[in-house]
N, C-alpha and C. Protein backbone atom coordinates (compact mmCIF):
# COMPACT_ATOMS: atom_id res chain seq x y z
N MET A 1 39.97 31.22 -71.21
CA MET A 1 38.87 30.85 -72.11
C MET A 1 38.05 32.08 -72.47
N ASN A 2 37.82 32.30 -73.72
CA ASN A 2 36.96 33.38 -74.18
C ASN A 2 35.54 33.13 -73.71
N ALA A 3 34.89 34.16 -73.17
CA ALA A 3 33.54 34.01 -72.63
C ALA A 3 32.54 33.57 -73.69
N ARG A 4 32.88 33.78 -74.97
CA ARG A 4 31.96 33.42 -76.04
C ARG A 4 32.10 31.95 -76.45
N GLU A 5 33.17 31.32 -76.01
CA GLU A 5 33.37 29.91 -76.35
C GLU A 5 32.37 29.05 -75.58
N ALA A 6 32.04 27.91 -76.18
CA ALA A 6 31.14 26.97 -75.51
C ALA A 6 31.81 26.44 -74.25
N ARG A 7 31.11 26.53 -73.13
CA ARG A 7 31.66 26.06 -71.86
C ARG A 7 31.11 24.65 -71.61
N THR A 8 31.86 23.68 -72.07
CA THR A 8 31.43 22.29 -71.99
C THR A 8 32.54 21.43 -71.42
N ALA A 9 32.17 20.22 -71.01
CA ALA A 9 33.17 19.26 -70.51
C ALA A 9 32.62 17.85 -70.65
N GLN A 10 33.53 16.93 -70.88
CA GLN A 10 33.23 15.50 -70.86
C GLN A 10 34.24 14.83 -69.94
N VAL A 11 33.73 14.08 -68.98
CA VAL A 11 34.62 13.43 -68.01
C VAL A 11 34.19 11.98 -67.85
N GLU A 12 35.17 11.11 -67.81
CA GLU A 12 34.91 9.69 -67.54
C GLU A 12 35.75 9.26 -66.35
N ARG A 13 35.19 8.40 -65.54
CA ARG A 13 35.89 7.87 -64.36
C ARG A 13 35.57 6.38 -64.25
N SER A 14 36.60 5.59 -64.12
CA SER A 14 36.42 4.14 -64.00
C SER A 14 37.26 3.63 -62.85
N THR A 15 36.60 2.99 -61.88
CA THR A 15 37.28 2.38 -60.75
C THR A 15 36.76 0.95 -60.60
N ARG A 16 37.24 0.25 -59.60
CA ARG A 16 36.73 -1.10 -59.34
C ARG A 16 35.29 -1.06 -58.83
N GLU A 17 34.85 0.13 -58.41
CA GLU A 17 33.52 0.26 -57.81
C GLU A 17 32.49 0.90 -58.75
N THR A 18 32.94 1.80 -59.60
CA THR A 18 32.00 2.51 -60.47
C THR A 18 32.60 2.79 -61.84
N LYS A 19 31.71 3.01 -62.78
CA LYS A 19 32.10 3.46 -64.12
C LYS A 19 31.13 4.58 -64.50
N ILE A 20 31.67 5.77 -64.76
CA ILE A 20 30.83 6.95 -64.97
C ILE A 20 31.28 7.72 -66.20
N LYS A 21 30.31 8.16 -66.98
CA LYS A 21 30.55 9.05 -68.10
C LYS A 21 29.60 10.23 -67.96
N LEU A 22 30.16 11.45 -67.99
CA LEU A 22 29.35 12.64 -67.77
C LEU A 22 29.66 13.69 -68.83
N ASP A 23 28.61 14.28 -69.39
CA ASP A 23 28.73 15.38 -70.34
C ASP A 23 28.00 16.59 -69.76
N LEU A 24 28.64 17.75 -69.82
CA LEU A 24 28.09 18.95 -69.21
C LEU A 24 28.21 20.14 -70.15
N THR A 25 27.13 20.91 -70.26
CA THR A 25 27.15 22.21 -70.92
C THR A 25 26.67 23.23 -69.91
N LEU A 26 27.55 24.17 -69.55
CA LEU A 26 27.19 25.17 -68.54
C LEU A 26 26.06 26.08 -69.01
N ASP A 27 26.14 26.54 -70.25
CA ASP A 27 25.15 27.47 -70.77
C ASP A 27 24.10 26.69 -71.57
N GLY A 28 23.36 25.87 -70.85
CA GLY A 28 22.41 24.98 -71.51
C GLY A 28 20.98 25.45 -71.36
N SER A 29 20.07 24.51 -71.57
CA SER A 29 18.64 24.82 -71.47
C SER A 29 17.97 24.06 -70.34
N GLY A 30 18.77 23.30 -69.58
CA GLY A 30 18.21 22.57 -68.45
C GLY A 30 17.79 21.15 -68.77
N THR A 31 18.29 20.60 -69.87
CA THR A 31 17.92 19.24 -70.24
C THR A 31 18.85 18.24 -69.57
N SER A 32 18.35 17.04 -69.37
CA SER A 32 19.17 16.02 -68.73
C SER A 32 18.84 14.64 -69.28
N GLU A 33 19.85 13.81 -69.28
CA GLU A 33 19.72 12.40 -69.65
C GLU A 33 20.49 11.62 -68.60
N LEU A 34 19.78 10.93 -67.73
CA LEU A 34 20.38 10.39 -66.52
C LEU A 34 20.08 8.92 -66.34
N SER A 35 21.12 8.17 -66.05
CA SER A 35 20.97 6.76 -65.75
C SER A 35 22.07 6.36 -64.76
N THR A 36 21.75 6.50 -63.47
CA THR A 36 22.73 6.21 -62.43
C THR A 36 22.45 4.89 -61.71
N GLY A 37 21.27 4.34 -61.93
CA GLY A 37 20.88 3.15 -61.18
C GLY A 37 20.26 3.48 -59.84
N VAL A 38 20.25 4.77 -59.48
CA VAL A 38 19.67 5.23 -58.20
C VAL A 38 18.59 6.25 -58.55
N GLY A 39 17.35 5.84 -58.47
CA GLY A 39 16.23 6.67 -58.93
C GLY A 39 16.16 8.02 -58.26
N PHE A 40 16.36 8.07 -56.95
CA PHE A 40 16.27 9.33 -56.23
C PHE A 40 17.40 10.28 -56.65
N LEU A 41 18.59 9.72 -56.88
CA LEU A 41 19.71 10.54 -57.34
C LEU A 41 19.44 11.08 -58.74
N ASP A 42 18.87 10.27 -59.61
CA ASP A 42 18.48 10.74 -60.94
C ASP A 42 17.54 11.94 -60.81
N HIS A 43 16.58 11.83 -59.90
CA HIS A 43 15.61 12.90 -59.68
C HIS A 43 16.30 14.18 -59.23
N MET A 44 17.24 14.08 -58.30
CA MET A 44 17.95 15.26 -57.80
C MET A 44 18.85 15.87 -58.89
N LEU A 45 19.50 15.04 -59.68
CA LEU A 45 20.33 15.55 -60.77
C LEU A 45 19.49 16.22 -61.85
N GLU A 46 18.29 15.70 -62.07
CA GLU A 46 17.37 16.34 -63.02
C GLU A 46 16.99 17.74 -62.54
N LEU A 47 16.73 17.87 -61.22
CA LEU A 47 16.42 19.18 -60.65
C LEU A 47 17.62 20.12 -60.78
N LEU A 48 18.81 19.58 -60.53
CA LEU A 48 20.03 20.38 -60.62
C LEU A 48 20.22 20.93 -62.03
N ALA A 49 20.01 20.07 -63.02
CA ALA A 49 20.15 20.51 -64.41
C ALA A 49 19.09 21.56 -64.76
N ARG A 50 17.85 21.27 -64.39
CA ARG A 50 16.74 22.16 -64.77
C ARG A 50 16.88 23.54 -64.15
N HIS A 51 17.16 23.59 -62.86
CA HIS A 51 17.21 24.88 -62.17
C HIS A 51 18.56 25.57 -62.31
N GLY A 52 19.59 24.81 -62.67
CA GLY A 52 20.89 25.41 -62.94
C GLY A 52 21.08 25.78 -64.39
N ARG A 53 20.09 25.44 -65.23
CA ARG A 53 20.15 25.68 -66.68
C ARG A 53 21.39 25.01 -67.29
N LEU A 54 21.68 23.83 -66.79
CA LEU A 54 22.76 23.02 -67.32
C LEU A 54 22.19 21.96 -68.25
N ASP A 55 22.93 21.60 -69.27
CA ASP A 55 22.62 20.38 -70.00
C ASP A 55 23.54 19.32 -69.43
N LEU A 56 22.94 18.23 -68.95
CA LEU A 56 23.69 17.25 -68.18
C LEU A 56 23.32 15.83 -68.61
N SER A 57 24.34 15.06 -68.94
CA SER A 57 24.15 13.65 -69.26
C SER A 57 25.05 12.84 -68.33
N VAL A 58 24.47 11.89 -67.61
CA VAL A 58 25.24 11.03 -66.71
C VAL A 58 24.84 9.59 -66.95
N GLN A 59 25.81 8.78 -67.30
CA GLN A 59 25.63 7.34 -67.42
C GLN A 59 26.55 6.69 -66.39
N ALA A 60 25.99 5.95 -65.46
CA ALA A 60 26.79 5.38 -64.38
C ALA A 60 26.37 3.96 -64.08
N SER A 61 27.35 3.15 -63.78
CA SER A 61 27.09 1.80 -63.25
C SER A 61 28.03 1.61 -62.07
N GLY A 62 27.50 0.96 -61.05
CA GLY A 62 28.32 0.80 -59.84
C GLY A 62 27.88 -0.37 -59.01
N ASP A 63 28.55 -0.54 -57.88
CA ASP A 63 28.31 -1.68 -56.99
C ASP A 63 27.13 -1.39 -56.06
N LEU A 64 25.95 -1.24 -56.66
CA LEU A 64 24.76 -0.86 -55.90
C LEU A 64 24.32 -1.93 -54.91
N GLU A 65 24.83 -3.14 -55.07
CA GLU A 65 24.49 -4.19 -54.10
C GLU A 65 25.04 -3.85 -52.71
N THR A 66 26.04 -2.96 -52.65
CA THR A 66 26.58 -2.53 -51.36
C THR A 66 25.98 -1.20 -50.93
N GLY A 67 25.07 -0.66 -51.72
CA GLY A 67 24.46 0.63 -51.44
C GLY A 67 24.86 1.65 -52.49
N ALA A 68 24.33 2.86 -52.33
CA ALA A 68 24.53 3.91 -53.35
C ALA A 68 25.70 4.82 -53.04
N HIS A 69 26.46 4.53 -51.99
CA HIS A 69 27.51 5.45 -51.55
C HIS A 69 28.56 5.71 -52.62
N HIS A 70 29.16 4.66 -53.18
CA HIS A 70 30.23 4.84 -54.15
C HIS A 70 29.74 5.55 -55.40
N THR A 71 28.56 5.15 -55.87
CA THR A 71 28.00 5.78 -57.07
C THR A 71 27.74 7.26 -56.85
N THR A 72 27.13 7.59 -55.72
CA THR A 72 26.79 8.99 -55.42
C THR A 72 28.05 9.84 -55.28
N GLU A 73 29.02 9.37 -54.51
CA GLU A 73 30.24 10.15 -54.31
C GLU A 73 31.02 10.31 -55.60
N ASP A 74 31.12 9.24 -56.39
CA ASP A 74 31.90 9.31 -57.62
C ASP A 74 31.23 10.21 -58.67
N ILE A 75 29.91 10.23 -58.70
CA ILE A 75 29.21 11.16 -59.60
C ILE A 75 29.49 12.60 -59.15
N GLY A 76 29.52 12.83 -57.84
CA GLY A 76 29.88 14.15 -57.33
C GLY A 76 31.28 14.56 -57.75
N ILE A 77 32.22 13.61 -57.68
CA ILE A 77 33.60 13.88 -58.11
C ILE A 77 33.64 14.27 -59.59
N VAL A 78 32.98 13.47 -60.42
CA VAL A 78 33.00 13.69 -61.87
C VAL A 78 32.28 14.99 -62.23
N LEU A 79 31.16 15.28 -61.57
CA LEU A 79 30.46 16.54 -61.84
C LEU A 79 31.34 17.72 -61.45
N GLY A 80 32.01 17.63 -60.32
CA GLY A 80 32.91 18.70 -59.92
C GLY A 80 34.04 18.90 -60.91
N GLN A 81 34.63 17.81 -61.39
CA GLN A 81 35.69 17.91 -62.39
C GLN A 81 35.19 18.54 -63.68
N ALA A 82 33.96 18.19 -64.07
CA ALA A 82 33.37 18.75 -65.29
C ALA A 82 33.12 20.25 -65.13
N LEU A 83 32.61 20.66 -63.98
CA LEU A 83 32.40 22.09 -63.73
C LEU A 83 33.73 22.84 -63.80
N ASP A 84 34.75 22.28 -63.19
CA ASP A 84 36.08 22.89 -63.19
C ASP A 84 36.58 23.07 -64.62
N GLN A 85 36.45 22.04 -65.44
CA GLN A 85 36.90 22.10 -66.83
C GLN A 85 36.09 23.10 -67.64
N ALA A 86 34.78 23.06 -67.49
CA ALA A 86 33.92 23.94 -68.29
C ALA A 86 34.12 25.41 -67.94
N LEU A 87 34.48 25.70 -66.69
CA LEU A 87 34.70 27.08 -66.27
C LEU A 87 36.02 27.64 -66.79
N GLY A 88 36.94 26.78 -67.17
CA GLY A 88 38.21 27.25 -67.71
C GLY A 88 38.96 28.13 -66.72
N ASP A 89 39.42 29.30 -67.19
CA ASP A 89 40.19 30.19 -66.30
C ASP A 89 39.29 31.16 -65.54
N ARG A 90 37.98 30.99 -65.65
CA ARG A 90 36.98 31.78 -64.91
C ARG A 90 36.84 33.21 -65.42
N THR A 91 37.41 33.53 -66.56
CA THR A 91 37.31 34.88 -67.10
C THR A 91 35.84 35.26 -67.33
N GLY A 92 35.47 36.44 -66.82
CA GLY A 92 34.16 37.01 -67.12
C GLY A 92 33.00 36.49 -66.30
N ILE A 93 33.23 35.60 -65.33
CA ILE A 93 32.11 35.07 -64.57
C ILE A 93 31.68 36.03 -63.46
N VAL A 94 30.45 35.85 -62.99
CA VAL A 94 29.94 36.65 -61.87
C VAL A 94 30.71 36.28 -60.59
N ARG A 95 30.98 35.03 -60.40
CA ARG A 95 31.74 34.43 -59.30
C ARG A 95 30.89 34.05 -58.10
N TYR A 96 30.03 34.94 -57.63
CA TYR A 96 29.23 34.66 -56.43
C TYR A 96 27.77 34.38 -56.81
N GLY A 97 27.15 33.50 -56.04
CA GLY A 97 25.73 33.24 -56.23
C GLY A 97 25.10 32.79 -54.94
N ASP A 98 23.83 33.10 -54.76
CA ASP A 98 23.11 32.63 -53.57
C ASP A 98 21.64 32.45 -53.91
N ALA A 99 21.01 31.56 -53.17
CA ALA A 99 19.59 31.29 -53.41
C ALA A 99 18.96 30.72 -52.15
N MET A 100 17.68 31.04 -51.97
CA MET A 100 16.87 30.44 -50.93
C MET A 100 15.64 29.87 -51.60
N VAL A 101 15.40 28.58 -51.40
CA VAL A 101 14.34 27.89 -52.14
C VAL A 101 13.40 27.15 -51.19
N PRO A 102 12.10 27.44 -51.26
CA PRO A 102 11.14 26.67 -50.48
C PRO A 102 10.69 25.42 -51.23
N MET A 103 10.44 24.37 -50.50
CA MET A 103 9.82 23.16 -51.05
C MET A 103 8.77 22.72 -50.05
N ASP A 104 7.56 23.19 -50.25
CA ASP A 104 6.48 22.99 -49.29
C ASP A 104 6.91 23.50 -47.91
N GLU A 105 6.98 22.64 -46.90
CA GLU A 105 7.33 23.08 -45.54
C GLU A 105 8.84 23.26 -45.36
N ALA A 106 9.62 22.81 -46.32
CA ALA A 106 11.08 22.87 -46.21
C ALA A 106 11.63 24.14 -46.85
N LEU A 107 12.79 24.58 -46.35
CA LEU A 107 13.44 25.76 -46.88
C LEU A 107 14.94 25.50 -46.94
N GLY A 108 15.50 25.60 -48.14
CA GLY A 108 16.93 25.38 -48.33
C GLY A 108 17.62 26.65 -48.78
N ALA A 109 18.87 26.82 -48.37
CA ALA A 109 19.64 28.00 -48.74
C ALA A 109 21.05 27.58 -49.15
N CYS A 110 21.59 28.32 -50.13
CA CYS A 110 22.94 28.03 -50.61
C CYS A 110 23.63 29.32 -51.02
N ALA A 111 24.91 29.42 -50.68
CA ALA A 111 25.76 30.51 -51.17
C ALA A 111 27.02 29.88 -51.75
N ILE A 112 27.44 30.36 -52.92
CA ILE A 112 28.58 29.80 -53.64
C ILE A 112 29.56 30.90 -54.01
N ASP A 113 30.84 30.59 -53.84
CA ASP A 113 31.92 31.42 -54.36
C ASP A 113 32.78 30.52 -55.25
N VAL A 114 32.89 30.87 -56.52
CA VAL A 114 33.78 30.12 -57.42
C VAL A 114 35.20 30.63 -57.13
N SER A 115 35.73 30.20 -56.01
CA SER A 115 36.89 30.81 -55.39
C SER A 115 38.22 30.17 -55.77
N GLY A 116 38.18 28.93 -56.23
CA GLY A 116 39.41 28.17 -56.41
C GLY A 116 39.86 27.52 -55.11
N ARG A 117 39.09 27.72 -54.04
CA ARG A 117 39.41 27.15 -52.72
C ARG A 117 38.28 26.21 -52.31
N PRO A 118 38.49 24.91 -52.40
CA PRO A 118 37.42 23.96 -52.07
C PRO A 118 37.05 24.01 -50.60
N PHE A 119 35.75 24.18 -50.33
CA PHE A 119 35.26 24.18 -48.95
C PHE A 119 33.77 23.93 -48.97
N LEU A 120 33.29 23.08 -48.07
CA LEU A 120 31.86 22.86 -47.91
C LEU A 120 31.48 23.04 -46.45
N SER A 121 30.53 23.94 -46.21
CA SER A 121 29.88 24.06 -44.91
C SER A 121 28.45 23.55 -45.10
N PHE A 122 28.13 22.47 -44.41
CA PHE A 122 26.85 21.80 -44.62
C PHE A 122 26.13 21.66 -43.28
N GLU A 123 24.98 22.29 -43.16
CA GLU A 123 24.17 22.20 -41.95
C GLU A 123 22.75 21.86 -42.34
N SER A 124 22.37 20.62 -42.09
CA SER A 124 21.02 20.18 -42.45
C SER A 124 20.63 19.02 -41.56
N GLU A 125 19.60 19.21 -40.80
CA GLU A 125 19.11 18.15 -39.92
C GLU A 125 18.10 17.30 -40.69
N VAL A 126 18.64 16.44 -41.54
CA VAL A 126 17.80 15.52 -42.30
C VAL A 126 17.81 14.18 -41.57
N SER A 127 16.64 13.64 -41.33
CA SER A 127 16.54 12.38 -40.61
C SER A 127 17.34 11.30 -41.32
N PRO A 128 18.13 10.53 -40.57
CA PRO A 128 18.88 9.42 -41.19
C PRO A 128 17.92 8.32 -41.64
N THR A 129 17.65 8.30 -42.91
CA THR A 129 16.71 7.33 -43.46
C THR A 129 17.13 6.99 -44.88
N SER A 130 16.40 6.10 -45.53
CA SER A 130 16.67 5.75 -46.91
C SER A 130 15.45 6.11 -47.75
N ILE A 131 15.68 6.81 -48.84
CA ILE A 131 14.62 7.18 -49.77
C ILE A 131 14.84 6.41 -51.05
N ALA A 132 14.05 5.39 -51.27
CA ALA A 132 14.16 4.56 -52.48
C ALA A 132 15.60 4.05 -52.67
N GLY A 133 16.22 3.62 -51.59
CA GLY A 133 17.57 3.08 -51.67
C GLY A 133 18.68 4.10 -51.58
N PHE A 134 18.32 5.36 -51.38
CA PHE A 134 19.29 6.44 -51.26
C PHE A 134 19.35 6.89 -49.81
N ASP A 135 20.50 6.67 -49.14
CA ASP A 135 20.66 7.07 -47.75
C ASP A 135 20.83 8.58 -47.68
N THR A 136 20.08 9.22 -46.77
CA THR A 136 20.08 10.68 -46.73
C THR A 136 21.44 11.27 -46.36
N ASP A 137 22.29 10.51 -45.69
CA ASP A 137 23.62 11.06 -45.34
C ASP A 137 24.52 11.20 -46.57
N LEU A 138 24.09 10.65 -47.69
CA LEU A 138 24.88 10.78 -48.93
C LEU A 138 24.79 12.17 -49.55
N VAL A 139 23.81 12.96 -49.13
CA VAL A 139 23.66 14.31 -49.68
C VAL A 139 24.91 15.13 -49.38
N GLU A 140 25.36 15.10 -48.13
CA GLU A 140 26.56 15.85 -47.77
C GLU A 140 27.78 15.32 -48.52
N GLU A 141 27.88 14.01 -48.67
CA GLU A 141 29.02 13.42 -49.39
C GLU A 141 29.03 13.87 -50.85
N PHE A 142 27.85 13.93 -51.46
CA PHE A 142 27.76 14.38 -52.85
C PHE A 142 28.25 15.81 -52.99
N PHE A 143 27.74 16.70 -52.16
CA PHE A 143 28.11 18.11 -52.30
C PHE A 143 29.57 18.35 -51.91
N ARG A 144 30.11 17.57 -50.99
CA ARG A 144 31.53 17.71 -50.66
C ARG A 144 32.39 17.31 -51.86
N ALA A 145 32.00 16.24 -52.54
CA ALA A 145 32.74 15.80 -53.72
C ALA A 145 32.67 16.84 -54.82
N VAL A 146 31.51 17.44 -55.03
CA VAL A 146 31.36 18.48 -56.06
C VAL A 146 32.22 19.69 -55.71
N SER A 147 32.10 20.19 -54.48
CA SER A 147 32.82 21.40 -54.11
C SER A 147 34.33 21.19 -54.14
N ASN A 148 34.80 20.03 -53.69
CA ASN A 148 36.24 19.76 -53.70
C ASN A 148 36.79 19.72 -55.12
N ASN A 149 36.08 19.09 -56.02
CA ASN A 149 36.60 18.88 -57.37
C ASN A 149 36.35 20.06 -58.31
N ALA A 150 35.34 20.87 -58.00
CA ALA A 150 35.10 22.08 -58.80
C ALA A 150 35.81 23.29 -58.20
N LYS A 151 36.44 23.08 -57.03
CA LYS A 151 37.16 24.16 -56.32
C LYS A 151 36.20 25.30 -55.97
N LEU A 152 35.06 24.94 -55.39
CA LEU A 152 34.05 25.90 -54.98
C LEU A 152 34.01 26.03 -53.47
N THR A 153 33.73 27.23 -52.98
CA THR A 153 33.33 27.43 -51.59
C THR A 153 31.80 27.38 -51.57
N VAL A 154 31.25 26.44 -50.80
CA VAL A 154 29.80 26.22 -50.80
C VAL A 154 29.29 26.19 -49.36
N HIS A 155 28.27 26.99 -49.09
CA HIS A 155 27.57 26.94 -47.80
C HIS A 155 26.13 26.49 -48.09
N LEU A 156 25.74 25.39 -47.50
CA LEU A 156 24.40 24.83 -47.69
C LEU A 156 23.70 24.70 -46.34
N ARG A 157 22.45 25.13 -46.29
CA ARG A 157 21.69 25.07 -45.05
C ARG A 157 20.26 24.61 -45.33
N THR A 158 19.72 23.82 -44.42
CA THR A 158 18.29 23.61 -44.38
C THR A 158 17.76 24.47 -43.24
N LEU A 159 16.92 25.43 -43.56
CA LEU A 159 16.45 26.39 -42.57
C LEU A 159 15.12 25.99 -41.95
N ASP A 160 14.41 25.07 -42.58
CA ASP A 160 13.13 24.64 -42.05
C ASP A 160 12.75 23.33 -42.73
N GLY A 161 11.77 22.65 -42.16
CA GLY A 161 11.25 21.44 -42.80
C GLY A 161 11.21 20.23 -41.89
N THR A 162 10.36 19.29 -42.26
CA THR A 162 10.23 18.04 -41.51
C THR A 162 10.39 16.81 -42.42
N ASN A 163 10.06 16.96 -43.69
CA ASN A 163 10.10 15.85 -44.64
C ASN A 163 11.49 15.76 -45.27
N ALA A 164 12.14 14.60 -45.15
CA ALA A 164 13.51 14.44 -45.65
C ALA A 164 13.61 14.69 -47.15
N HIS A 165 12.65 14.16 -47.92
CA HIS A 165 12.65 14.35 -49.37
C HIS A 165 12.58 15.84 -49.70
N HIS A 166 11.68 16.55 -49.05
CA HIS A 166 11.51 17.97 -49.33
C HIS A 166 12.76 18.77 -48.97
N LYS A 167 13.38 18.43 -47.85
CA LYS A 167 14.57 19.16 -47.41
C LYS A 167 15.73 18.96 -48.40
N ILE A 168 15.92 17.73 -48.84
CA ILE A 168 16.99 17.44 -49.80
C ILE A 168 16.71 18.11 -51.14
N GLU A 169 15.46 18.06 -51.57
CA GLU A 169 15.10 18.71 -52.83
C GLU A 169 15.34 20.22 -52.76
N ALA A 170 15.01 20.83 -51.62
CA ALA A 170 15.25 22.27 -51.46
C ALA A 170 16.75 22.58 -51.54
N LEU A 171 17.58 21.71 -50.98
CA LEU A 171 19.04 21.91 -51.04
C LEU A 171 19.55 21.83 -52.47
N PHE A 172 19.12 20.82 -53.22
CA PHE A 172 19.58 20.68 -54.61
C PHE A 172 19.13 21.86 -55.47
N LYS A 173 17.90 22.31 -55.27
CA LYS A 173 17.39 23.44 -56.05
C LYS A 173 18.13 24.73 -55.68
N ALA A 174 18.40 24.92 -54.38
CA ALA A 174 19.13 26.11 -53.95
C ALA A 174 20.55 26.11 -54.51
N PHE A 175 21.20 24.95 -54.47
CA PHE A 175 22.54 24.84 -55.04
C PHE A 175 22.51 25.16 -56.53
N ALA A 176 21.53 24.62 -57.24
CA ALA A 176 21.42 24.84 -58.68
C ALA A 176 21.24 26.31 -59.01
N ARG A 177 20.36 26.98 -58.27
CA ARG A 177 20.09 28.40 -58.52
C ARG A 177 21.31 29.26 -58.19
N ALA A 178 21.99 28.94 -57.09
CA ALA A 178 23.18 29.70 -56.72
C ALA A 178 24.30 29.48 -57.74
N LEU A 179 24.46 28.23 -58.18
CA LEU A 179 25.48 27.92 -59.18
C LEU A 179 25.20 28.65 -60.49
N ARG A 180 23.95 28.68 -60.88
CA ARG A 180 23.55 29.37 -62.12
C ARG A 180 23.97 30.84 -62.08
N GLN A 181 23.77 31.49 -60.94
CA GLN A 181 24.19 32.89 -60.79
C GLN A 181 25.71 33.02 -60.85
N ALA A 182 26.39 32.15 -60.10
CA ALA A 182 27.84 32.29 -59.93
C ALA A 182 28.61 32.08 -61.23
N VAL A 183 28.16 31.16 -62.07
CA VAL A 183 28.91 30.84 -63.29
C VAL A 183 28.45 31.66 -64.49
N ALA A 184 27.42 32.48 -64.30
CA ALA A 184 26.93 33.30 -65.40
C ALA A 184 28.01 34.28 -65.86
N ILE A 185 27.95 34.65 -67.12
CA ILE A 185 28.88 35.63 -67.67
C ILE A 185 28.40 37.04 -67.33
N ASP A 186 29.29 37.83 -66.75
CA ASP A 186 29.02 39.22 -66.43
C ASP A 186 29.57 40.10 -67.57
N PRO A 187 28.69 40.72 -68.34
CA PRO A 187 29.15 41.49 -69.50
C PRO A 187 30.04 42.68 -69.13
N SER A 188 30.00 43.10 -67.87
CA SER A 188 30.83 44.23 -67.46
C SER A 188 32.19 43.79 -66.93
N GLU A 189 32.42 42.47 -66.86
CA GLU A 189 33.67 41.92 -66.33
C GLU A 189 34.53 41.41 -67.48
N SER A 190 35.67 42.07 -67.71
CA SER A 190 36.52 41.68 -68.83
C SER A 190 37.60 40.68 -68.43
N GLY A 191 37.81 40.53 -67.13
CA GLY A 191 38.86 39.62 -66.68
C GLY A 191 38.34 38.65 -65.65
N VAL A 192 39.22 38.24 -64.77
CA VAL A 192 38.86 37.33 -63.67
C VAL A 192 38.43 38.19 -62.47
N PRO A 193 37.25 37.91 -61.89
CA PRO A 193 36.75 38.75 -60.80
C PRO A 193 37.47 38.50 -59.47
N SER A 194 38.72 38.90 -59.41
CA SER A 194 39.52 38.75 -58.20
C SER A 194 40.67 39.75 -58.24
N THR A 195 41.00 40.31 -57.10
CA THR A 195 42.14 41.24 -57.04
C THR A 195 43.46 40.49 -57.28
N LYS A 196 43.42 39.15 -57.10
CA LYS A 196 44.62 38.34 -57.34
C LYS A 196 44.88 38.16 -58.85
N GLY A 197 43.82 38.34 -59.65
CA GLY A 197 43.94 38.13 -61.08
C GLY A 197 43.79 36.69 -61.50
N VAL A 198 43.49 35.81 -60.54
CA VAL A 198 43.32 34.39 -60.83
C VAL A 198 42.40 33.76 -59.81
N LEU A 199 41.61 32.80 -60.25
CA LEU A 199 40.73 32.04 -59.34
C LEU A 199 41.08 30.57 -59.45
């Protein structure tokens, strides 16, 4: 993919549990249009778009009567697939990104390698609770789905904090900032940033 081409993707996923339509522009302005049926997830996706400078539209319906698990995981899958498509052959990208983000008493950190090798290392002592119908253990499931489907190596850490909302928000913002760095176009890179010649 030529670095000057629009890096966009549209992905739809339909199962017996969820129906999702997602539109993504990597080089966006941070706008979002979100309707997942899970208010807290909408809030986190809005932060992801804003701080990642992505334009993101997500329309989702799912079996929320059983909880937000299927909706959250499937949105992660679709977002990962969209990132993979929008990145194309990875020509000209920076490849690596990292960020440390405070959210009041909480501190989140993320490092990303657009490696082509899916891996998630997740260390966060978030209290097992529900925030507006969103179970906190779904955060790891979401990021695992994104990293697996976008073929990213992702390390996420909560380094400090006591409030579950703040810790999760710090993680989403750190991921967004690290992703923004990693997928940015490096004007000094004419090919794929790997000695293998492929990512």
